[in-house]
N, C-alpha and C. Protein backbone atom coordinates (compact mmCIF):
# COMPACT_ATOMS: atom_id res chain seq x y z
N UNK A 1 118.01 131.89 227.49
CA UNK A 1 118.45 130.71 226.68
C UNK A 1 117.64 129.95 225.90
N UNK A 2 118.25 129.95 224.61
CA UNK A 2 116.98 129.26 223.65
C UNK A 2 116.90 127.97 223.69
N UNK A 3 115.78 127.08 223.30
CA UNK A 3 115.35 125.83 223.38
C UNK A 3 115.95 125.21 222.19
N UNK A 4 116.89 124.16 222.50
CA UNK A 4 117.51 123.43 221.06
C UNK A 4 116.60 122.50 220.97
N UNK A 5 115.49 121.97 221.70
CA UNK A 5 114.68 120.77 220.71
C UNK A 5 113.43 121.00 221.12
N UNK A 6 112.37 120.03 220.36
CA UNK A 6 111.19 120.03 220.48
C UNK A 6 110.97 118.93 221.11
N UNK A 7 109.74 118.83 222.33
CA UNK A 7 109.53 117.58 223.02
C UNK A 7 108.12 116.92 222.40
N UNK A 8 108.49 115.87 222.15
CA UNK A 8 107.30 115.13 221.33
C UNK A 8 106.09 114.75 222.31
N UNK A 9 106.50 114.28 223.54
CA UNK A 9 105.69 113.60 224.37
C UNK A 9 106.13 114.39 225.78
N UNK A 10 105.16 114.32 226.69
CA UNK A 10 105.49 114.94 228.07
C UNK A 10 106.17 113.73 228.80
N UNK A 11 106.87 114.24 230.03
CA UNK A 11 107.78 113.31 230.28
C UNK A 11 106.56 112.15 231.41
N UNK A 12 106.75 111.02 230.72
CA UNK A 12 106.25 109.88 231.04
C UNK A 12 107.04 108.81 231.67
N UNK A 13 106.92 108.72 233.23
CA UNK A 13 107.66 107.57 233.26
C UNK A 13 109.49 108.21 233.67
N UNK A 14 109.57 108.98 233.92
CA UNK A 14 110.93 109.76 233.68
C UNK A 14 111.65 109.52 232.45
N UNK A 15 110.77 109.57 231.26
CA UNK A 15 111.22 109.41 229.99
C UNK A 15 110.74 110.51 229.04
N UNK A 16 111.45 111.03 228.26
CA UNK A 16 111.07 112.29 227.14
C UNK A 16 112.14 112.10 225.96
N UNK A 17 110.96 112.08 225.04
CA UNK A 17 111.25 111.92 223.71
C UNK A 17 111.41 113.45 223.15
N UNK A 18 112.52 113.73 222.50
CA UNK A 18 112.78 115.34 221.94
C UNK A 18 113.45 115.01 220.52
N UNK A 19 113.45 116.14 219.60
CA UNK A 19 113.85 116.37 218.70
C UNK A 19 114.77 117.44 218.40
N UNK A 20 115.97 117.69 217.94
CA UNK A 20 116.56 118.90 218.18
C UNK A 20 116.52 119.48 216.94
N UNK A 21 116.83 120.94 216.84
CA UNK A 21 115.89 121.86 215.84
C UNK A 21 117.15 121.73 214.54
N UNK A 22 118.00 121.14 214.79
CA UNK A 22 119.12 120.63 213.77
C UNK A 22 118.14 119.48 212.66
N UNK A 23 117.14 118.84 213.40
CA UNK A 23 116.61 117.75 212.46
C UNK A 23 115.54 118.48 211.39
N UNK A 24 114.75 119.76 211.74
CA UNK A 24 113.87 120.01 211.56
C UNK A 24 114.54 121.05 210.36
N UNK A 25 116.00 121.52 210.25
CA UNK A 25 116.69 122.50 209.34
C UNK A 25 116.88 121.43 208.56
N UNK A 26 117.57 120.23 208.45
CA UNK A 26 117.89 119.19 207.43
C UNK A 26 116.31 118.77 206.83
N UNK A 27 115.35 118.51 207.21
CA UNK A 27 113.97 118.55 206.64
C UNK A 27 113.16 119.69 205.82
N UNK A 28 113.71 120.91 206.32
CA UNK A 28 113.14 121.77 205.29
C UNK A 28 114.10 122.09 204.20
N UNK A 29 115.51 121.94 204.09
CA UNK A 29 116.38 121.94 203.10
C UNK A 29 116.18 120.70 202.09
N UNK A 30 115.50 119.37 202.73
CA UNK A 30 115.28 118.48 201.87
C UNK A 30 114.10 118.80 201.03
N UNK A 31 113.17 119.53 201.54
CA UNK A 31 111.99 120.04 201.10
C UNK A 31 112.13 120.76 200.00
N UNK A 32 112.86 122.23 200.46
CA UNK A 32 113.24 123.25 199.29
C UNK A 32 113.65 122.78 198.29
N UNK A 33 114.59 121.57 198.19
CA UNK A 33 115.37 120.88 196.96
C UNK A 33 114.51 120.03 196.19
N UNK A 34 113.66 119.45 196.99
CA UNK A 34 112.14 119.05 196.09
C UNK A 34 111.61 119.68 195.15
N UNK A 35 111.38 120.99 195.22
CA UNK A 35 110.79 122.17 194.46
C UNK A 35 111.35 122.40 193.28
N UNK A 36 111.12 122.41 192.14
CA UNK A 36 111.77 122.48 190.90
C UNK A 36 112.19 123.84 190.89
N UNK A 37 111.47 124.80 190.98
CA UNK A 37 111.75 126.76 190.85
C UNK A 37 112.63 126.96 192.03
N UNK A 38 112.35 126.39 193.12
CA UNK A 38 113.27 127.10 194.28
C UNK A 38 114.59 126.36 194.36
N UNK A 39 115.45 127.59 194.98
CA UNK A 39 116.92 127.31 195.39
C UNK A 39 117.47 127.52 196.70
N UNK A 40 117.47 126.67 197.62
CA UNK A 40 117.85 127.05 199.18
C UNK A 40 119.31 127.81 198.96
N UNK A 41 119.58 128.77 199.45
CA UNK A 41 120.78 129.34 199.87
C UNK A 41 121.88 128.47 200.74
N UNK A 42 122.86 128.63 200.36
CA UNK A 42 123.91 127.74 200.96
C UNK A 42 124.42 128.90 202.22
N UNK A 43 124.43 128.15 203.41
CA UNK A 43 124.94 128.63 204.49
C UNK A 43 126.12 129.43 204.74
N UNK A 44 126.29 130.53 205.55
CA UNK A 44 127.80 131.02 205.63
C UNK A 44 127.87 131.33 206.80
N UNK A 45 129.02 131.46 207.22
CA UNK A 45 129.53 132.03 208.89
C UNK A 45 128.92 133.03 209.13
N UNK A 46 127.81 133.75 208.40
CA UNK A 46 127.50 135.10 208.82
C UNK A 46 125.70 134.75 209.00
N UNK A 47 125.50 133.88 207.95
CA UNK A 47 123.96 134.17 207.96
C UNK A 47 123.58 132.80 207.63
N UNK A 48 122.22 131.83 207.73
CA UNK A 48 121.65 130.69 207.78
C UNK A 48 120.68 130.71 206.61
N UNK A 49 120.52 129.66 206.11
CA UNK A 49 119.44 129.95 204.92
C UNK A 49 118.19 129.32 205.69
N UNK A 50 118.15 128.47 206.48
CA UNK A 50 116.94 128.06 207.14
C UNK A 50 116.86 128.39 208.69
N UNK A 51 116.21 128.29 209.40
CA UNK A 51 116.16 129.78 211.05
C UNK A 51 115.17 128.82 211.39
N UNK A 52 115.30 127.93 212.46
CA UNK A 52 114.31 127.11 213.27
C UNK A 52 114.29 127.85 214.73
N UNK A 53 113.11 128.11 215.03
CA UNK A 53 113.03 128.80 216.55
C UNK A 53 112.00 127.43 217.17
N UNK A 54 111.86 127.75 218.54
CA UNK A 54 111.22 126.91 219.60
C UNK A 54 111.23 127.92 220.44
N UNK A 55 109.44 127.82 220.46
CA UNK A 55 109.30 128.74 221.81
C UNK A 55 108.01 128.08 222.30
N UNK A 56 108.04 127.79 223.59
CA UNK A 56 106.86 127.01 224.27
C UNK A 56 106.35 125.78 223.77
N UNK A 57 107.43 124.92 222.93
CA UNK A 57 107.22 123.80 221.98
C UNK A 57 106.24 124.16 221.13
N UNK A 58 106.44 125.12 220.51
CA UNK A 58 105.84 125.47 219.00
C UNK A 58 107.28 125.77 218.43
N UNK A 59 107.01 125.26 216.92
CA UNK A 59 107.76 125.34 216.10
C UNK A 59 107.46 126.39 214.84
N UNK A 60 108.62 127.33 214.84
CA UNK A 60 108.72 128.03 213.83
C UNK A 60 110.00 128.13 212.66
N UNK A 61 109.71 128.02 211.53
CA UNK A 61 110.87 128.31 210.51
C UNK A 61 110.62 129.49 209.88
N UNK A 62 111.91 129.87 209.21
CA UNK A 62 112.37 130.64 208.52
C UNK A 62 112.96 130.18 207.36
N UNK A 63 112.89 130.63 205.71
CA UNK A 63 113.51 129.92 205.16
C UNK A 63 114.22 131.10 204.14
N UNK A 64 114.86 131.15 203.56
CA UNK A 64 115.29 132.12 202.51
C UNK A 64 116.02 131.38 201.30
N UNK A 65 115.17 131.29 200.26
CA UNK A 65 115.39 131.20 199.04
C UNK A 65 115.81 131.87 197.83
N UNK A 66 116.02 131.34 196.84
CA UNK A 66 116.08 132.03 195.46
C UNK A 66 115.13 131.47 194.71
N UNK A 67 114.37 132.12 193.50
CA UNK A 67 113.23 131.50 192.55
C UNK A 67 114.06 131.56 191.20
N UNK A 68 113.90 130.53 190.39
CA UNK A 68 114.25 130.39 189.05
C UNK A 68 113.42 131.37 188.07
N UNK A 69 114.27 132.42 187.23
CA UNK A 69 113.94 133.32 186.57
C UNK A 69 112.63 133.14 185.79
N UNK A 70 111.71 133.64 185.67
CA UNK A 70 110.25 133.03 185.16
C UNK A 70 109.43 132.07 185.44
N UNK A 71 109.72 131.69 186.74
CA UNK A 71 108.77 131.06 187.59
C UNK A 71 107.54 132.10 188.42
N UNK A 72 106.72 131.73 188.41
CA UNK A 72 105.61 132.25 189.43
C UNK A 72 106.20 132.52 190.66
N UNK A 73 106.74 133.53 191.42
CA UNK A 73 107.04 133.00 193.03
C UNK A 73 106.17 132.95 193.83
N UNK A 74 104.63 133.75 193.72
CA UNK A 74 103.62 133.42 194.58
C UNK A 74 103.64 131.76 194.71
N UNK A 75 103.36 131.32 193.66
CA UNK A 75 103.14 129.67 193.68
C UNK A 75 104.29 128.69 194.05
N UNK A 76 105.70 129.46 193.82
CA UNK A 76 106.52 128.64 194.47
C UNK A 76 106.89 128.61 195.82
N UNK A 77 106.39 129.85 196.28
CA UNK A 77 106.54 129.93 197.65
C UNK A 77 105.59 129.27 198.51
N UNK A 78 104.45 129.29 198.23
CA UNK A 78 103.58 127.99 198.70
C UNK A 78 103.75 126.80 198.40
N UNK A 79 104.27 126.31 197.39
CA UNK A 79 104.39 124.91 197.36
C UNK A 79 105.71 124.80 198.36
N UNK A 80 106.62 125.51 198.25
CA UNK A 80 107.92 125.40 199.51
C UNK A 80 107.09 125.22 200.93
N UNK A 81 106.13 126.43 201.08
CA UNK A 81 105.51 126.22 202.49
C UNK A 81 105.03 124.76 202.78
N UNK A 82 104.10 124.29 201.95
CA UNK A 82 103.19 123.40 201.85
C UNK A 82 104.46 121.85 202.13
N UNK A 83 105.51 121.47 201.18
CA UNK A 83 105.90 120.75 201.02
C UNK A 83 107.04 120.52 202.79
N UNK A 84 107.21 121.77 203.00
CA UNK A 84 108.00 122.02 204.35
C UNK A 84 106.99 121.34 205.34
N UNK A 85 105.84 121.71 205.55
CA UNK A 85 104.60 121.44 206.27
C UNK A 85 104.44 119.90 206.36
N UNK A 86 104.58 119.46 205.22
CA UNK A 86 104.06 117.87 204.86
C UNK A 86 105.26 117.09 205.27
N UNK A 87 106.60 117.63 204.81
CA UNK A 87 107.60 116.68 205.41
C UNK A 87 107.94 116.52 206.89
N UNK A 88 107.73 118.00 207.35
CA UNK A 88 107.87 117.66 209.15
C UNK A 88 106.72 116.86 209.59
N UNK A 89 105.79 117.48 209.00
CA UNK A 89 104.42 116.16 209.99
C UNK A 89 104.37 114.77 209.58
N UNK A 90 105.05 114.43 208.17
CA UNK A 90 105.06 113.01 207.87
C UNK A 90 106.57 112.52 208.78
N UNK A 91 107.43 113.11 208.82
CA UNK A 91 108.60 112.64 209.36
C UNK A 91 109.11 112.62 211.08
N UNK A 92 108.16 113.56 211.67
CA UNK A 92 108.55 113.78 212.92
C UNK A 92 106.58 113.58 213.61
N UNK A 93 105.80 114.07 212.93
CA UNK A 93 104.42 114.13 213.58
C UNK A 93 104.17 115.46 214.40
N UNK A 94 104.93 116.16 214.10
CA UNK A 94 104.90 117.20 214.68
C UNK A 94 104.35 118.39 213.96
N UNK A 95 103.50 119.45 214.45
CA UNK A 95 103.00 120.62 213.40
C UNK A 95 103.78 121.51 213.53
N UNK A 96 104.27 122.15 212.27
CA UNK A 96 105.05 123.43 212.05
C UNK A 96 103.72 124.67 212.98
N UNK A 97 104.16 125.50 213.63
CA UNK A 97 102.94 126.60 213.94
C UNK A 97 103.18 127.90 212.60
N UNK A 98 104.27 127.99 212.43
CA UNK A 98 104.54 129.05 211.14
C UNK A 98 105.84 128.72 210.31
N UNK A 99 105.59 129.06 209.05
CA UNK A 99 106.61 129.14 208.34
C UNK A 99 106.56 130.27 207.27
N UNK A 100 108.12 130.67 207.45
CA UNK A 100 108.00 131.73 206.70
C UNK A 100 108.94 131.69 205.42
N UNK A 101 108.74 132.20 204.20
CA UNK A 101 109.47 131.93 202.99
C UNK A 101 110.08 132.99 202.72
N UNK A 102 111.15 133.56 202.63
CA UNK A 102 111.85 134.81 202.03
C UNK A 102 112.47 134.55 200.84
N UNK A 103 112.18 135.50 199.74
CA UNK A 103 112.80 135.25 198.37
C UNK A 103 113.72 136.67 198.54
N UNK A 104 115.22 136.19 198.13
CA UNK A 104 116.27 137.23 198.22
C UNK A 104 116.88 137.36 196.93
N UNK A 105 116.40 136.49 196.04
CA UNK A 105 117.09 136.83 194.32
C UNK A 105 116.30 135.72 193.35
N UNK A 106 116.72 136.21 192.42
CA UNK A 106 116.61 134.92 191.33
C UNK A 106 117.71 134.70 190.54
N UNK A 107 117.38 133.17 190.40
CA UNK A 107 118.57 132.08 189.36
C UNK A 107 118.12 132.30 188.15
N UNK A 108 119.28 132.71 187.53
CA UNK A 108 118.75 132.69 186.02
C UNK A 108 119.88 131.31 185.05
């Protein structure tokens, strides 16, 4: 069974602080929308534009984006990775283990 949350602290005095992975999806979507040349795909019933996995309390994020025509793809992907990493760290205090940015097309 997949883990649906990331524990921010170990159990202390029978208390556990955890964040649901949907929070990380929202942070990643906001981060992508902040980048001028990146466009987040819309979620459909068959696929998601942002996939968050938690394994041994390590966070892995995969995103699927479109890049505006004429923009530098490598630079845009690097900006998306950095923005997601910074926002997750700033908003939750948790470091992302791996961020994959997959370009699936171009927007004209």
